[in-house]
Amino acid sequence: MTNEKTTAVRRVISFIKIVWTVSIIVAATAIGALIGWENHGLVGAMALGFVGLVAGGFISSPTFLLQVLP
């Protein structure tokens, strides 16, 4: 019984981590694209959307960000 409970809890935690990561990356990409679109047009939207994608990747995993920083 404890094995099943642990597995269920781990699945829920894993699911929450996936949803968190995807939502942060999508939000950062959308914000970057919106700011780029308003200030620089299509090229700015693509460029700042990519910057938002990378920034969202770092923001969604703080431990990875701390490993990259010296």
PDB file of N, CA and C in Angstrom:
ATOM      1  N   MET A   1       0.824  -1.193   0.000  1.00  0.00           N
ATOM      2  CA  MET A   1       0.000   0.000   0.000  1.00  0.00           C
ATOM      3  C   MET A   1       0.867   1.255   0.000  1.00  0.00           C
ATOM      4  N   THR A   2       1.928   1.284   0.779  1.00  0.00           N
ATOM      5  CA  THR A   2       2.774   2.467   0.803  1.00  0.00           C
ATOM      6  C   THR A   2       3.487   2.675  -0.525  1.00  0.00           C
ATOM      7  N   ASN A   3       3.838   1.599  -1.205  1.00  0.00           N
ATOM      8  CA  ASN A   3       4.465   1.725  -2.519  1.00  0.00           C
ATOM      9  C   ASN A   3       3.536   2.405  -3.507  1.00  0.00           C
ATOM     10  N   GLU A   4       2.277   2.009  -3.497  1.00  0.00           N
ATOM     11  CA  GLU A   4       1.296   2.614  -4.404  1.00  0.00           C
ATOM     12  C   GLU A   4       1.079   4.079  -4.066  1.00  0.00           C
ATOM     13  N   LYS A   5       1.037   4.403  -2.790  1.00  0.00           N
ATOM     14  CA  LYS A   5       0.828   5.783  -2.372  1.00  0.00           C
ATOM     15  C   LYS A   5       2.019   6.650  -2.773  1.00  0.00           C
ATOM     16  N   THR A   6       3.214   6.151  -2.562  1.00  0.00           N
ATOM     17  CA  THR A   6       4.411   6.890  -2.939  1.00  0.00           C
ATOM     18  C   THR A   6       4.451   7.119  -4.442  1.00  0.00           C
ATOM     19  N   THR A   7       4.094   6.107  -5.192  1.00  0.00           N
ATOM     20  CA  THR A   7       4.084   6.243  -6.641  1.00  0.00           C
ATOM     21  C   THR A   7       3.047   7.272  -7.077  1.00  0.00           C
ATOM     22  N   ALA A   8       1.875   7.261  -6.463  1.00  0.00           N
ATOM     23  CA  ALA A   8       0.835   8.218  -6.811  1.00  0.00           C
ATOM     24  C   ALA A   8       1.274   9.641  -6.464  1.00  0.00           C
ATOM     25  N   VAL A   9       1.893   9.806  -5.313  1.00  0.00           N
ATOM     26  CA  VAL A   9       2.354  11.135  -4.905  1.00  0.00           C
ATOM     27  C   VAL A   9       3.451  11.622  -5.850  1.00  0.00           C
ATOM     28  N   ARG A  10       4.352  10.740  -6.212  1.00  0.00           N
ATOM     29  CA  ARG A  10       5.418  11.129  -7.144  1.00  0.00           C
ATOM     30  C   ARG A  10       4.851  11.510  -8.505  1.00  0.00           C
ATOM     31  N   ARG A  11       3.839  10.802  -8.942  1.00  0.00           N
ATOM     32  CA  ARG A  11       3.204  11.141 -10.224  1.00  0.00           C
ATOM     33  C   ARG A  11       2.563  12.520 -10.175  1.00  0.00           C
ATOM     34  N   VAL A  12       1.895  12.813  -9.079  1.00  0.00           N
ATOM     35  CA  VAL A  12       1.255  14.123  -8.935  1.00  0.00           C
ATOM     36  C   VAL A  12       2.303  15.228  -8.903  1.00  0.00           C
ATOM     37  N   ILE A  13       3.374  15.014  -8.155  1.00  0.00           N
ATOM     38  CA  ILE A  13       4.432  16.021  -8.077  1.00  0.00           C
ATOM     39  C   ILE A  13       5.095  16.208  -9.431  1.00  0.00           C
ATOM     40  N   SER A  14       5.331  15.113 -10.130  1.00  0.00           N
ATOM     41  CA  SER A  14       5.925  15.198 -11.465  1.00  0.00           C
ATOM     42  C   SER A  14       5.003  15.953 -12.419  1.00  0.00           C
ATOM     43  N   PHE A  15       3.718  15.690 -12.337  1.00  0.00           N
ATOM     44  CA  PHE A  15       2.746  16.386 -13.186  1.00  0.00           C
ATOM     45  C   PHE A  15       2.727  17.884 -12.886  1.00  0.00           C
ATOM     46  N   ILE A  16       2.776  18.242 -11.612  1.00  0.00           N
ATOM     47  CA  ILE A  16       2.781  19.651 -11.224  1.00  0.00           C
ATOM     48  C   ILE A  16       4.038  20.344 -11.737  1.00  0.00           C
ATOM     49  N   LYS A  17       5.184  19.670 -11.661  1.00  0.00           N
ATOM     50  CA  LYS A  17       6.431  20.248 -12.170  1.00  0.00           C
ATOM     51  C   LYS A  17       6.358  20.478 -13.672  1.00  0.00           C
ATOM     52  N   ILE A  18       5.769  19.535 -14.404  1.00  0.00           N
ATOM     53  CA  ILE A  18       5.637  19.685 -15.856  1.00  0.00           C
ATOM     54  C   ILE A  18       4.725  20.853 -16.190  1.00  0.00           C
ATOM     55  N   VAL A  19       3.591  20.936 -15.509  1.00  0.00           N
ATOM     56  CA  VAL A  19       2.648  22.043 -15.757  1.00  0.00           C
ATOM     57  C   VAL A  19       3.302  23.382 -15.416  1.00  0.00           C
ATOM     58  N   TRP A  20       4.046  23.444 -14.314  1.00  0.00           N
ATOM     59  CA  TRP A  20       4.734  24.669 -13.915  1.00  0.00           C
ATOM     60  C   TRP A  20       5.730  25.101 -14.983  1.00  0.00           C
ATOM     61  N   THR A  21       6.558  24.173 -15.432  1.00  0.00           N
ATOM     62  CA  THR A  21       7.577  24.489 -16.428  1.00  0.00           C
ATOM     63  C   THR A  21       6.956  24.971 -17.723  1.00  0.00           C
ATOM     64  N   VAL A  22       5.961  24.260 -18.212  1.00  0.00           N
ATOM     65  CA  VAL A  22       5.321  24.645 -19.475  1.00  0.00           C
ATOM     66  C   VAL A  22       4.649  26.006 -19.348  1.00  0.00           C
ATOM     67  N   SER A  23       3.955  26.241 -18.238  1.00  0.00           N
ATOM     68  CA  SER A  23       3.254  27.522 -18.091  1.00  0.00           C
ATOM     69  C   SER A  23       4.225  28.698 -17.997  1.00  0.00           C
ATOM     70  N   ILE A  24       5.338  28.540 -17.295  1.00  0.00           N
ATOM     71  CA  ILE A  24       6.310  29.627 -17.182  1.00  0.00           C
ATOM     72  C   ILE A  24       6.968  29.905 -18.525  1.00  0.00           C
ATOM     73  N   ILE A  25       7.337  28.852 -19.247  1.00  0.00           N
ATOM     74  CA  ILE A  25       7.986  29.051 -20.545  1.00  0.00           C
ATOM     75  C   ILE A  25       7.024  29.694 -21.540  1.00  0.00           C
ATOM     76  N   VAL A  26       5.781  29.250 -21.551  1.00  0.00           N
ATOM     77  CA  VAL A  26       4.789  29.846 -22.465  1.00  0.00           C
ATOM     78  C   VAL A  26       4.534  31.304 -22.101  1.00  0.00           C
ATOM     79  N   ALA A  27       4.413  31.603 -20.815  1.00  0.00           N
ATOM     80  CA  ALA A  27       4.163  32.980 -20.398  1.00  0.00           C
ATOM     81  C   ALA A  27       5.334  33.889 -20.759  1.00  0.00           C
ATOM     82  N   ALA A  28       6.564  33.437 -20.504  1.00  0.00           N
ATOM     83  CA  ALA A  28       7.730  34.266 -20.821  1.00  0.00           C
ATOM     84  C   ALA A  28       7.865  34.478 -22.326  1.00  0.00           C
ATOM     85  N   THR A  29       7.587  33.445 -23.107  1.00  0.00           N
ATOM     86  CA  THR A  29       7.649  33.577 -24.565  1.00  0.00           C
ATOM     87  C   THR A  29       6.580  34.541 -25.061  1.00  0.00           C
ATOM     88  N   ALA A  30       5.379  34.425 -24.523  1.00  0.00           N
ATOM     89  CA  ALA A  30       4.291  35.311 -24.946  1.00  0.00           C
ATOM     90  C   ALA A  30       4.573  36.764 -24.573  1.00  0.00           C
ATOM     91  N   ILE A  31       5.098  36.985 -23.384  1.00  0.00           N
ATOM     92  CA  ILE A  31       5.418  38.358 -22.972  1.00  0.00           C
ATOM     93  C   ILE A  31       6.517  38.936 -23.853  1.00  0.00           C
ATOM     94  N   GLY A  32       7.549  38.145 -24.129  1.00  0.00           N
ATOM     95  CA  GLY A  32       8.618  38.608 -25.014  1.00  0.00           C
ATOM     96  C   GLY A  32       8.113  38.915 -26.410  1.00  0.00           C
ATOM     97  N   ALA A  33       7.265  38.044 -26.940  1.00  0.00           N
ATOM     98  CA  ALA A  33       6.727  38.264 -28.279  1.00  0.00           C
ATOM     99  C   ALA A  33       5.824  39.500 -28.311  1.00  0.00           C
ATOM    100  N   LEU A  34       5.039  39.695 -27.283  1.00  0.00           N
ATOM    101  CA  LEU A  34       4.153  40.868 -27.230  1.00  0.00           C
ATOM    102  C   LEU A  34       4.954  42.167 -27.176  1.00  0.00           C
ATOM    103  N   ILE A  35       5.957  42.195 -26.322  1.00  0.00           N
ATOM    104  CA  ILE A  35       6.782  43.404 -26.222  1.00  0.00           C
ATOM    105  C   ILE A  35       7.522  43.646 -27.535  1.00  0.00           C
ATOM    106  N   GLY A  36       8.052  42.588 -28.123  1.00  0.00           N
ATOM    107  CA  GLY A  36       8.736  42.729 -29.408  1.00  0.00           C
ATOM    108  C   GLY A  36       7.815  43.193 -30.514  1.00  0.00           C
ATOM    109  N   TRP A  37       6.588  42.664 -30.538  1.00  0.00           N
ATOM    110  CA  TRP A  37       5.627  43.043 -31.568  1.00  0.00           C
ATOM    111  C   TRP A  37       5.249  44.517 -31.440  1.00  0.00           C
ATOM    112  N   GLU A  38       5.024  44.972 -30.211  1.00  0.00           N
ATOM    113  CA  GLU A  38       4.605  46.356 -30.011  1.00  0.00           C
ATOM    114  C   GLU A  38       5.721  47.353 -30.308  1.00  0.00           C
ATOM    115  N   ASN A  39       6.956  46.983 -30.055  1.00  0.00           N
ATOM    116  CA  ASN A  39       8.054  47.925 -30.211  1.00  0.00           C
ATOM    117  C   ASN A  39       8.814  47.793 -31.529  1.00  0.00           C
ATOM    118  N   HIS A  40       8.904  46.586 -32.078  1.00  0.00           N
ATOM    119  CA  HIS A  40       9.766  46.386 -33.244  1.00  0.00           C
ATOM    120  C   HIS A  40       9.122  45.615 -34.386  1.00  0.00           C
ATOM    121  N   GLY A  41       7.870  45.253 -34.281  1.00  0.00           N
ATOM    122  CA  GLY A  41       7.201  44.538 -35.357  1.00  0.00           C
ATOM    123  C   GLY A  41       7.483  43.040 -35.327  1.00  0.00           C
ATOM    124  N   LEU A  42       7.376  42.414 -36.492  1.00  0.00           N
ATOM    125  CA  LEU A  42       7.474  40.961 -36.603  1.00  0.00           C
ATOM    126  C   LEU A  42       8.848  40.432 -36.183  1.00  0.00           C
ATOM    127  N   VAL A  43       9.903  41.082 -36.651  1.00  0.00           N
ATOM    128  CA  VAL A  43      11.250  40.621 -36.317  1.00  0.00           C
ATOM    129  C   VAL A  43      11.501  40.746 -34.814  1.00  0.00           C
ATOM    130  N   GLY A  44      11.066  41.825 -34.224  1.00  0.00           N
ATOM    131  CA  GLY A  44      11.212  41.997 -32.783  1.00  0.00           C
ATOM    132  C   GLY A  44      10.417  40.969 -32.005  1.00  0.00           C
ATOM    133  N   ALA A  45       9.230  40.627 -32.512  1.00  0.00           N
ATOM    134  CA  ALA A  45       8.412  39.610 -31.846  1.00  0.00           C
ATOM    135  C   ALA A  45       9.112  38.262 -31.865  1.00  0.00           C
ATOM    136  N   MET A  46       9.704  37.917 -32.992  1.00  0.00           N
ATOM    137  CA  MET A  46      10.410  36.636 -33.076  1.00  0.00           C
ATOM    138  C   MET A  46      11.656  36.639 -32.189  1.00  0.00           C
ATOM    139  N   ALA A  47      12.405  37.729 -32.220  1.00  0.00           N
ATOM    140  CA  ALA A  47      13.646  37.800 -31.440  1.00  0.00           C
ATOM    141  C   ALA A  47      13.354  37.792 -29.938  1.00  0.00           C
ATOM    142  N   LEU A  48      12.455  38.653 -29.504  1.00  0.00           N
ATOM    143  CA  LEU A  48      12.167  38.713 -28.068  1.00  0.00           C
ATOM    144  C   LEU A  48      11.350  37.513 -27.597  1.00  0.00           C
ATOM    145  N   GLY A  49      10.602  36.896 -28.499  1.00  0.00           N
ATOM    146  CA  GLY A  49       9.933  35.645 -28.159  1.00  0.00           C
ATOM    147  C   GLY A  49      10.948  34.556 -27.862  1.00  0.00           C
ATOM    148  N   PHE A  50      12.016  34.501 -28.664  1.00  0.00           N
ATOM    149  CA  PHE A  50      13.085  33.531 -28.408  1.00  0.00           C
ATOM    150  C   PHE A  50      13.811  33.837 -27.105  1.00  0.00           C
ATOM    151  N   VAL A  51      14.057  35.110 -26.858  1.00  0.00           N
ATOM    152  CA  VAL A  51      14.684  35.508 -25.589  1.00  0.00           C
ATOM    153  C   VAL A  51      13.786  35.107 -24.418  1.00  0.00           C
ATOM    154  N   GLY A  52      12.492  35.305 -24.571  1.00  0.00           N
ATOM    155  CA  GLY A  52      11.547  34.892 -23.535  1.00  0.00           C
ATOM    156  C   GLY A  52      11.538  33.393 -23.331  1.00  0.00           C
ATOM    157  N   LEU A  53      11.693  32.643 -24.423  1.00  0.00           N
ATOM    158  CA  LEU A  53      11.749  31.188 -24.328  1.00  0.00           C
ATOM    159  C   LEU A  53      12.951  30.740 -23.501  1.00  0.00           C
ATOM    160  N   VAL A  54      14.097  31.323 -23.777  1.00  0.00           N
ATOM    161  CA  VAL A  54      15.313  30.979 -23.029  1.00  0.00           C
ATOM    162  C   VAL A  54      15.188  31.439 -21.577  1.00  0.00           C
ATOM    163  N   ALA A  55      14.710  32.657 -21.374  1.00  0.00           N
ATOM    164  CA  ALA A  55      14.547  33.168 -20.009  1.00  0.00           C
ATOM    165  C   ALA A  55      13.535  32.323 -19.232  1.00  0.00           C
ATOM    166  N   GLY A  56      12.478  31.910 -19.892  1.00  0.00           N
ATOM    167  CA  GLY A  56      11.488  31.054 -19.233  1.00  0.00           C
ATOM    168  C   GLY A  56      12.073  29.720 -18.829  1.00  0.00           C
ATOM    169  N   GLY A  57      12.967  29.202 -19.648  1.00  0.00           N
ATOM    170  CA  GLY A  57      13.643  27.963 -19.284  1.00  0.00           C
ATOM    171  C   GLY A  57      14.468  28.117 -18.024  1.00  0.00           C
ATOM    172  N   PHE A  58      15.151  29.243 -17.887  1.00  0.00           N
ATOM    173  CA  PHE A  58      15.932  29.490 -16.676  1.00  0.00           C
ATOM    174  C   PHE A  58      15.031  29.765 -15.473  1.00  0.00           C
ATOM    175  N   ILE A  59      13.973  30.528 -15.675  1.00  0.00           N
ATOM    176  CA  ILE A  59      13.087  30.887 -14.565  1.00  0.00           C
ATOM    177  C   ILE A  59      12.331  29.666 -14.040  1.00  0.00           C
ATOM    178  N   SER A  60      11.966  28.753 -14.937  1.00  0.00           N
ATOM    179  CA  SER A  60      11.163  27.610 -14.516  1.00  0.00           C
ATOM    180  C   SER A  60      11.946  26.629 -13.661  1.00  0.00           C
ATOM    181  N   SER A  61      13.272  26.669 -13.731  1.00  0.00           N
ATOM    182  CA  SER A  61      14.090  25.768 -12.924  1.00  0.00           C
ATOM    183  C   SER A  61      15.152  26.577 -12.180  1.00  0.00           C
ATOM    184  N   PRO A  62      14.831  27.080 -10.998  1.00  0.00           N
ATOM    185  CA  PRO A  62      15.781  27.907 -10.259  1.00  0.00           C
ATOM    186  C   PRO A  62      17.081  27.180  -9.917  1.00  0.00           C
ATOM    187  N   THR A  63      17.036  25.874  -9.702  1.00  0.00           N
ATOM    188  CA  THR A  63      18.265  25.156  -9.384  1.00  0.00           C
ATOM    189  C   THR A  63      19.219  25.162 -10.559  1.00  0.00           C
ATOM    190  N   PHE A  64      18.685  25.049 -11.773  1.00  0.00           N
ATOM    191  CA  PHE A  64      19.535  25.119 -12.967  1.00  0.00           C
ATOM    192  C   PHE A  64      20.142  26.509 -13.097  1.00  0.00           C
ATOM    193  N   LEU A  65      19.351  27.526 -12.812  1.00  0.00           N
ATOM    194  CA  LEU A  65      19.839  28.904 -12.890  1.00  0.00           C
ATOM    195  C   LEU A  65      20.975  29.122 -11.892  1.00  0.00           C
ATOM    196  N   LEU A  66      20.847  28.577 -10.695  1.00  0.00           N
ATOM    197  CA  LEU A  66      21.894  28.745  -9.696  1.00  0.00           C
ATOM    198  C   LEU A  66      23.174  27.987 -10.058  1.00  0.00           C
ATOM    199  N   GLN A  67      23.034  26.896 -10.809  1.00  0.00           N
ATOM    200  CA  GLN A  67      24.203  26.145 -11.253  1.00  0.00           C
ATOM    201  C   GLN A  67      24.952  26.886 -12.343  1.00  0.00           C
ATOM    202  N   VAL A  68      24.233  27.636 -13.182  1.00  0.00           N
ATOM    203  CA  VAL A  68      24.850  28.354 -14.288  1.00  0.00           C
ATOM    204  C   VAL A  68      25.590  29.582 -13.780  1.00  0.00           C
ATOM    205  N   LEU A  69      25.025  30.257 -12.793  1.00  0.00           N
ATOM    206  CA  LEU A  69      25.647  31.453 -12.245  1.00  0.00           C
ATOM    207  C   LEU A  69      26.873  31.069 -11.431  1.00  0.00           C
ATOM    208  N   PRO A  70      27.971  31.836 -11.563  1.00  0.00           N
ATOM    209  CA  PRO A  70      29.184  31.498 -10.787  1.00  0.00           C
ATOM    210  C   PRO A  70      29.057  31.832  -9.324  1.00  0.00           C
TER     211      PRO A  70
END
